[in-house]
Protein backbone atom coordinates (compact mmCIF):
# COMPACT_ATOMS: atom_id res chain seq x y z
CA MET A 1 261.43 63.67 221.26
CA GLN A 2 263.08 62.51 218.05
CA ARG A 3 266.86 62.56 218.15
CA HIS A 4 269.26 63.04 215.24
CA TYR A 5 273.00 62.29 215.18
CA PHE A 6 275.46 64.71 213.57
CA ASP A 7 278.69 63.55 215.24
CA HIS A 8 279.92 60.77 212.96
CA ASN A 9 283.53 61.95 213.13
CA ALA A 10 283.48 61.04 216.82
CA THR A 11 282.06 57.56 216.19
CA THR A 12 279.57 55.79 213.97
CA PRO A 13 276.90 53.21 214.76
CA VAL A 14 277.79 49.64 213.90
CA ALA A 15 276.19 48.81 210.55
CA PRO A 16 273.73 45.87 210.51
CA GLU A 17 275.88 44.09 207.92
CA VAL A 18 278.89 44.45 210.21
CA LEU A 19 277.08 43.06 213.23
CA GLU A 20 275.84 40.13 211.16
CA ALA A 21 279.41 39.30 210.10
CA MET A 22 280.66 39.48 213.69
CA LEU A 23 278.06 37.29 215.41
CA PRO A 24 279.39 33.85 214.32
CA CYS A 25 282.76 34.70 215.87
CA PHE A 26 281.20 34.67 219.34
CA GLY A 27 279.80 31.16 218.95
CA GLU A 28 280.82 29.10 215.91
CA ALA A 29 284.34 30.45 215.31
CA TYR A 30 285.51 31.23 218.82
CA GLY A 31 288.96 29.67 218.50
CA ASN A 32 292.30 31.43 218.92
CA ALA A 33 293.49 32.39 215.43
CA SER A 34 297.02 31.25 216.36
CA SER A 35 295.93 27.70 217.16
CA ILE A 36 296.61 25.05 214.53
CA HIS A 37 293.56 22.91 215.25
CA TRP A 38 290.23 23.16 213.41
CA PHE A 39 288.73 25.69 215.82
CA GLY A 40 291.73 27.96 215.52
CA GLN A 41 291.82 27.70 211.76
CA GLN A 42 288.15 28.65 211.50
CA ALA A 43 289.00 31.86 213.31
CA LYS A 44 292.16 32.33 211.25
CA GLN A 45 290.22 32.11 207.99
CA ARG A 46 287.85 34.85 209.10
CA LEU A 47 290.73 37.00 210.29
CA GLU A 48 292.53 36.73 206.96
CA GLN A 49 289.33 37.49 205.08
CA ALA A 50 289.08 40.68 207.13
CA ARG A 51 292.68 41.50 206.25
CA ARG A 52 291.87 41.13 202.56
CA GLN A 53 288.84 43.39 202.95
CA VAL A 54 290.83 46.15 204.65
CA ALA A 55 293.55 45.81 202.02
CA GLY A 56 290.87 46.18 199.36
CA LEU A 57 289.75 49.48 200.83
CA LEU A 58 293.32 50.84 200.80
CA ARG A 59 294.32 49.10 197.55
CA CYS A 60 297.31 47.33 199.01
CA GLN A 61 298.41 43.75 199.66
CA PRO A 62 296.88 41.88 202.63
CA ALA A 63 300.35 41.19 204.02
CA GLU A 64 300.82 44.96 204.35
CA ILE A 65 297.97 45.26 206.88
CA VAL A 66 298.77 45.12 210.61
CA PHE A 67 295.72 44.88 212.85
CA SER A 68 295.57 47.01 216.01
CA SER A 69 293.20 48.10 218.74
CA GLY A 70 292.35 51.30 216.89
CA GLY A 71 293.69 54.40 215.18
CA THR A 72 295.62 55.58 218.23
CA GLU A 73 297.66 52.39 218.50
CA ALA A 74 298.18 52.26 214.74
CA ASN A 75 299.51 55.82 214.67
CA ASN A 76 301.74 55.16 217.67
CA LEU A 77 303.17 52.04 216.03
CA ALA A 78 303.89 53.98 212.85
CA ILE A 79 305.61 56.92 214.55
CA LEU A 80 307.35 55.32 217.51
CA GLY A 81 308.12 52.14 215.60
CA THR A 82 309.78 54.04 212.74
CA ALA A 83 311.82 56.43 214.87
CA ARG A 84 313.01 53.76 217.29
CA ASN A 85 314.07 51.53 214.41
CA ALA A 86 316.04 54.27 212.67
CA ALA A 87 319.65 53.64 211.79
CA GLY A 88 322.50 55.96 211.01
CA GLY A 89 321.58 58.70 213.44
CA ARG A 90 318.35 59.68 211.67
CA ARG A 91 316.65 61.31 214.66
CA HIS A 92 314.34 63.97 213.25
CA VAL A 93 310.58 63.87 212.65
CA ILE A 94 308.38 66.41 210.84
CA THR A 95 304.69 66.73 211.68
CA SER A 96 302.04 69.47 211.80
CA THR A 97 300.30 71.44 214.54
CA ILE A 98 296.83 70.23 213.48
CA GLU A 99 297.40 66.50 214.00
CA HIS A 100 295.24 64.31 216.21
CA PRO A 101 296.43 64.19 219.85
CA CYS A 102 297.65 60.60 219.44
CA VAL A 103 300.15 61.80 216.82
CA LEU A 104 301.16 64.90 218.76
CA ASP A 105 301.64 62.93 221.96
CA ALA A 106 303.64 60.21 220.20
CA CYS A 107 305.94 62.95 218.93
CA ARG A 108 306.26 64.38 222.44
CA GLN A 109 307.29 60.93 223.63
CA LEU A 110 309.97 60.81 220.94
CA GLU A 111 311.31 64.15 222.14
CA LYS A 112 311.75 62.62 225.60
CA GLU A 113 313.83 59.94 223.88
CA GLY A 114 316.09 62.49 222.21
CA VAL A 115 314.40 62.74 218.81
CA GLU A 116 314.03 66.22 217.32
CA VAL A 117 310.51 67.14 216.18
CA THR A 118 309.55 69.97 213.82
CA ARG A 119 305.89 71.00 213.93
CA LEU A 120 304.65 72.87 210.86
CA ARG A 121 301.77 75.32 211.02
CA ALA A 122 298.88 74.95 208.61
CA GLY A 123 297.52 77.90 206.66
CA ALA A 124 294.23 79.66 207.40
CA ASP A 125 292.56 77.14 205.08
CA GLY A 126 293.90 74.26 207.16
CA LEU A 127 296.38 73.05 204.56
CA VAL A 128 299.99 72.08 205.32
CA SER A 129 302.29 73.50 202.66
CA PRO A 130 304.53 71.01 200.83
CA ASP A 131 307.06 73.82 200.47
CA ASP A 132 307.17 74.15 204.26
CA VAL A 133 307.75 70.42 204.52
CA ARG A 134 310.64 70.62 202.08
CA ALA A 135 312.16 73.56 203.95
CA ALA A 136 311.96 71.65 207.25
CA LEU A 137 313.89 68.64 205.95
CA ARG A 138 317.22 67.78 207.53
CA PRO A 139 319.79 65.18 206.53
CA HIS A 140 318.70 63.10 209.53
CA THR A 141 314.92 63.32 208.97
CA VAL A 142 313.53 59.81 209.44
CA LEU A 143 309.77 60.39 209.16
CA ILE A 144 307.18 62.89 207.97
CA SER A 145 303.74 62.51 209.57
CA VAL A 146 300.85 64.57 208.18
CA MET A 147 297.22 63.51 208.49
CA HIS A 148 295.20 62.77 205.36
CA ALA A 149 291.98 64.46 206.55
CA ASN A 150 291.53 66.57 209.65
CA ASN A 151 289.06 65.28 212.23
CA GLU A 152 287.71 68.73 213.18
CA ILE A 153 287.51 70.72 209.96
CA GLY A 154 287.59 67.90 207.40
CA VAL A 155 290.34 69.46 205.27
CA VAL A 156 292.16 66.98 203.01
CA GLU A 157 295.91 67.52 202.98
CA PRO A 158 298.16 67.31 199.87
CA ILE A 159 299.61 63.98 200.95
CA ALA A 160 300.80 62.83 197.53
CA GLU A 161 302.93 65.98 197.15
CA ILE A 162 304.32 65.67 200.66
CA ALA A 163 305.03 61.96 200.19
CA ALA A 164 307.00 62.71 197.02
CA ILE A 165 309.18 65.10 199.02
CA ALA A 166 309.69 62.46 201.71
CA ARG A 167 310.68 59.88 199.09
CA GLU A 168 313.26 62.24 197.54
CA ALA A 169 314.78 62.79 200.98
CA GLY A 170 314.83 59.10 201.88
CA ALA A 171 312.44 59.67 204.78
CA GLY A 172 309.40 57.59 205.63
CA MET A 173 305.90 59.00 205.06
CA HIS A 174 303.12 58.35 207.55
CA SER A 175 299.56 59.63 207.35
CA ASP A 176 296.72 59.37 209.83
CA GLY A 177 293.90 58.19 207.58
CA VAL A 178 291.32 57.68 210.31
CA GLN A 179 289.03 60.43 208.97
CA SER A 180 289.64 59.79 205.26
CA ALA A 181 289.39 56.02 204.88
CA GLY A 182 285.87 55.10 203.90
CA LYS A 183 284.91 58.69 203.03
CA ILE A 184 287.15 59.41 200.06
CA PRO A 185 289.25 57.06 197.90
CA VAL A 186 292.46 56.06 199.70
CA ASP A 187 294.95 54.40 197.36
CA VAL A 188 298.20 54.05 199.28
CA ASP A 189 300.29 53.66 196.14
CA ALA A 190 298.76 56.74 194.51
CA LEU A 191 299.33 58.69 197.72
CA GLY A 192 302.88 57.40 198.02
CA VAL A 193 302.66 56.79 201.77
CA ASP A 194 304.66 54.15 203.61
CA LEU A 195 302.33 53.99 206.61
CA LEU A 196 298.63 54.83 206.97
CA ALA A 197 296.30 54.25 209.93
CA LEU A 198 292.55 53.67 210.05
CA SER A 199 289.97 52.96 212.75
CA GLY A 200 286.96 50.64 212.71
CA HIS A 201 284.52 52.77 214.66
CA LYS A 202 284.82 55.67 212.20
CA ILE A 203 283.52 53.52 209.32
CA TYR A 204 280.53 51.76 210.95
CA GLY A 205 282.68 49.03 212.49
CA PRO A 206 283.19 48.19 216.18
CA LYS A 207 285.25 50.25 218.60
CA GLY A 208 288.58 48.81 219.66
CA THR A 209 289.63 47.83 216.13
CA GLY A 210 292.02 49.42 213.69
CA ALA A 211 294.75 48.76 211.18
CA LEU A 212 298.05 50.14 210.00
CA TYR A 213 299.15 49.85 206.38
CA VAL A 214 302.88 49.16 206.32
CA ARG A 215 304.49 49.26 202.90
CA GLN A 216 306.32 46.04 202.06
CA GLY A 217 309.93 46.28 203.22
CA ARG A 218 309.26 49.03 205.77
CA ARG A 219 310.69 47.98 209.12
CA LEU A 220 309.16 48.96 212.46
CA GLN A 221 310.10 48.34 216.05
CA ALA A 222 307.14 46.83 217.85
CA THR A 223 305.46 48.88 220.57
CA VAL A 224 303.51 45.94 222.03
CA HIS A 225 305.65 42.95 222.99
CA GLY A 226 304.75 39.31 223.50
CA GLY A 227 303.98 36.64 220.91
CA HIS A 228 304.66 36.53 217.18
CA HIS A 229 301.27 37.86 216.10
CA GLU A 230 300.88 40.12 213.06
CA ARG A 231 304.28 39.03 211.71
CA ASP A 232 306.04 40.20 214.89
CA ARG A 233 304.72 43.73 214.50
CA ARG A 234 301.92 43.69 217.08
CA ALA A 235 301.82 41.07 219.81
CA GLY A 236 298.60 39.88 221.42
CA THR A 237 295.77 37.49 220.58
CA GLU A 238 293.77 39.05 217.78
CA ASN A 239 290.26 40.32 218.48
CA VAL A 240 288.78 38.09 215.79
CA ALA A 241 285.15 39.18 216.16
CA GLY A 242 286.06 42.87 216.19
CA LEU A 243 288.45 42.58 213.27
CA VAL A 244 285.92 40.62 211.25
CA GLY A 245 283.65 43.59 211.89
CA LEU A 246 286.38 45.96 210.73
CA GLY A 247 286.76 43.93 207.54
CA ALA A 248 283.04 43.95 206.87
CA ALA A 249 282.94 47.71 207.46
CA ALA A 250 285.83 48.23 205.04
CA ALA A 251 284.06 46.17 202.37
CA LEU A 252 280.85 48.12 202.93
CA ALA A 253 282.71 51.44 202.65
CA ALA A 254 284.44 50.38 199.43
CA ARG A 255 281.11 49.30 197.93
CA ASP A 256 279.07 52.37 198.87
CA MET A 257 281.66 55.17 198.80
CA PRO A 258 280.98 56.71 195.37
CA ALA A 259 277.24 57.13 195.86
CA GLU A 260 277.41 57.87 199.58
CA SER A 261 280.14 60.50 199.23
CA SER A 262 278.10 62.36 196.62
CA ARG A 263 274.95 62.19 198.75
CA LEU A 264 276.71 63.42 201.90
CA ALA A 265 278.46 66.26 200.07
CA ALA A 266 275.09 67.52 198.83
CA LEU A 267 273.63 67.37 202.35
CA ARG A 268 276.72 69.02 203.82
CA ASP A 269 276.47 71.86 201.31
CA ARG A 270 272.76 72.22 202.05
CA LEU A 271 273.53 72.51 205.75
CA GLU A 272 276.27 75.08 205.19
CA ARG A 273 274.15 77.24 202.90
CA GLY A 274 271.30 77.18 205.37
CA LEU A 275 273.40 78.04 208.42
CA LEU A 276 275.46 80.77 206.77
CA GLY A 277 272.41 82.19 205.02
CA ARG A 278 270.18 82.32 208.10
CA ILE A 279 272.58 83.14 210.92
CA PRO A 280 274.61 86.35 211.03
CA PHE A 281 278.15 86.51 212.44
CA ALA A 282 278.86 82.92 211.35
CA GLY A 283 281.59 81.57 209.10
CA LEU A 284 283.13 78.38 207.74
CA ASN A 285 286.40 77.16 209.25
CA GLY A 286 288.75 75.71 206.65
CA ASP A 287 287.01 77.54 203.82
CA GLY A 288 288.58 77.17 200.37
CA ALA A 289 290.32 73.84 200.93
CA PRO A 290 289.25 70.39 199.72
CA ARG A 291 287.33 68.55 202.43
CA VAL A 292 285.86 65.15 203.12
CA PRO A 293 282.20 65.18 202.06
CA ASN A 294 280.55 64.72 205.46
CA THR A 295 282.20 67.40 207.59
CA THR A 296 281.69 71.10 208.22
CA ASN A 297 282.99 73.27 211.03
CA ILE A 298 281.33 76.65 211.58
CA HIS A 299 281.95 79.45 214.06
CA PHE A 300 279.03 81.31 215.60
CA ASP A 301 280.49 84.46 217.11
CA TYR A 302 279.30 85.90 220.45
CA LEU A 303 278.49 82.58 222.09
CA GLU A 304 280.19 79.59 223.69
CA GLY A 305 280.31 76.44 221.59
CA GLU A 306 279.80 74.17 224.60
CA ALA A 307 276.60 76.04 225.47
CA LEU A 308 275.36 75.55 221.91
CA VAL A 309 276.21 71.83 222.03
CA ILE A 310 274.13 71.47 225.20
CA ALA A 311 271.25 73.52 223.80
CA LEU A 312 271.17 71.40 220.66
CA ASP A 313 271.34 68.18 222.65
CA LEU A 314 268.28 69.33 224.60
CA ALA A 315 266.62 69.85 221.22
CA GLY A 316 267.54 66.30 220.15
CA MET A 317 270.54 67.15 217.97
CA ALA A 318 273.96 65.60 218.66
CA VAL A 319 276.86 67.78 217.48
CA SER A 320 280.38 68.49 218.72
CA SER A 321 282.50 71.49 219.65
CA GLY A 322 285.69 69.63 218.74
CA ALA A 323 287.36 66.24 218.83
CA ALA A 324 285.60 63.70 221.02
CA CYS A 325 288.87 62.80 222.76
CA SER A 326 289.13 66.42 223.95
CA SER A 327 285.58 66.72 225.29
CA GLY A 328 285.46 68.48 228.63
CA SER A 329 288.59 70.51 227.90
CA VAL A 330 288.34 74.21 228.73
CA GLU A 331 291.05 75.00 226.20
CA PRO A 332 290.05 76.07 222.68
CA SER A 333 290.62 73.57 219.88
CA HIS A 334 294.31 73.28 219.04
CA VAL A 335 293.34 72.74 215.39
CA LEU A 336 291.33 75.95 215.14
CA THR A 337 293.89 78.09 216.94
CA ALA A 338 296.63 76.56 214.77
CA ILE A 339 294.89 77.81 211.61
CA GLY A 340 294.63 81.32 213.04
CA LEU A 341 291.34 81.57 214.93
CA ASP A 342 291.49 83.51 218.17
CA ALA A 343 290.45 81.73 221.36
CA ASP A 344 286.94 83.24 221.42
CA ARG A 345 286.14 82.25 217.85
CA ALA A 346 287.63 78.78 218.35
CA ARG A 347 285.42 78.27 221.41
CA ALA A 348 282.41 79.45 219.38
CA SER A 349 282.92 76.77 216.71
CA ILE A 350 280.81 73.67 216.13
CA ARG A 351 281.60 70.56 214.09
CA PHE A 352 278.77 68.89 212.20
CA SER A 353 279.59 65.46 210.75
CA LEU A 354 276.99 63.59 208.71
CA GLY A 355 276.58 59.87 208.11
CA ARG A 356 274.74 57.01 206.43
CA GLU A 357 271.43 57.61 208.19
CA THR A 358 271.45 61.40 207.74
CA SER A 359 268.54 62.63 205.60
CA GLY A 360 267.46 65.93 204.11
CA GLU A 361 264.66 66.11 206.65
CA GLN A 362 267.17 65.73 209.47
CA VAL A 363 269.33 68.50 208.03
CA ASP A 364 266.33 70.81 207.85
CA ALA A 365 265.43 70.00 211.45
CA LEU A 366 269.01 70.75 212.48
CA LEU A 367 268.95 74.09 210.65
CA ALA A 368 265.85 75.17 212.54
CA ALA A 369 267.28 74.00 215.87
CA VAL A 370 270.62 75.78 215.39
CA GLU A 371 268.96 79.02 214.29
CA ALA A 372 266.70 79.03 217.36
CA ALA A 373 269.47 78.04 219.79
CA VAL A 374 271.95 80.62 218.49
CA ALA A 375 269.35 83.40 218.71
CA ARG A 376 268.46 82.42 222.27
CA LEU A 377 272.06 82.18 223.46
CA ARG A 378 273.07 85.46 221.85
CA LYS A 379 270.26 87.24 223.68
CA LEU A 380 272.00 86.17 226.86
CA SER A 381 275.43 87.31 225.69
CA PRO A 382 276.64 90.65 227.13
CA VAL A 383 278.96 91.16 224.14
CA PHE A 384 276.50 90.45 221.33
CA PRO A 385 276.07 93.71 219.33
CA GLY A 386 272.40 92.96 218.66
CA VAL A 387 271.53 93.34 222.37
């Protein structure tokens, strides 16, 4: 059976160019990048090249890039590091209810430490209102954290507007850019953010790698303690091979983004038209808002999303009923319920995320598989009105 992958928001395969860049680091350049001898400096050169490549993707200075073990650590460093470093009694953070769990849980940790957290609801289209952000400001607000693109519905938030509000208030602006970097242009100066996280395995790089953009002059309290790595912002011997892979993936994304984004948007639209045109009682989640080009999230009423995921997997199609980090949860998606879906509709929703190897033929095969699987599952549903 031929298998097709439509879960690129969960992870992506390592690109051949990325693997090729990484391989020398396991043999020729195996030194510790902190060592001053020749072996260490060979590794250091590759590490700094990777830093320049990531900076190129985000259009910032290499010195503003802090390497991490992934998006989760980068987001934690941004949020915890900012709040814990705050002076003058600034002990209030604003975020949204549709953030990734690593952001929500970091904010819960801050609450345990006495920091106040305001969580803003998104609209039915998945957008966080800048007016709501402004209304939530307090004199002691230290940080606003709103994701750039949502991992489940793909909606792109008005970060530049929110960042302008943060700047007026003297608060820091953090954005989780894990699902936007490499898919749409991310210019940190144009966005106005002070902190932005990305992850290697979302852009055809290796797992266990990530980076945090930290605007020059922005001070953070470290969350990992030890040596003086990453300019005292993240201790620990750098994963040179992995970070070289991250750099290569960033360079690849910057090179291919214009053409690839256009191609994926066309395939995404083709998939949506086919599903919504062929299957009754289905609808688009996050409709009407700007989205990253590779992502669509659709509800298929009168069935369980997990059952549809399994049925499609048996047909050779890999899709998701939500964020990969929440797989196995019996609770409906917190993102979908936060934008107003009831529990049944949230559980009946499927995320399709396309990638570099996705073709029109694969999309057509997916359309046929979803149509057949939905019809079969609804016949088994005691609440389906067609029975």
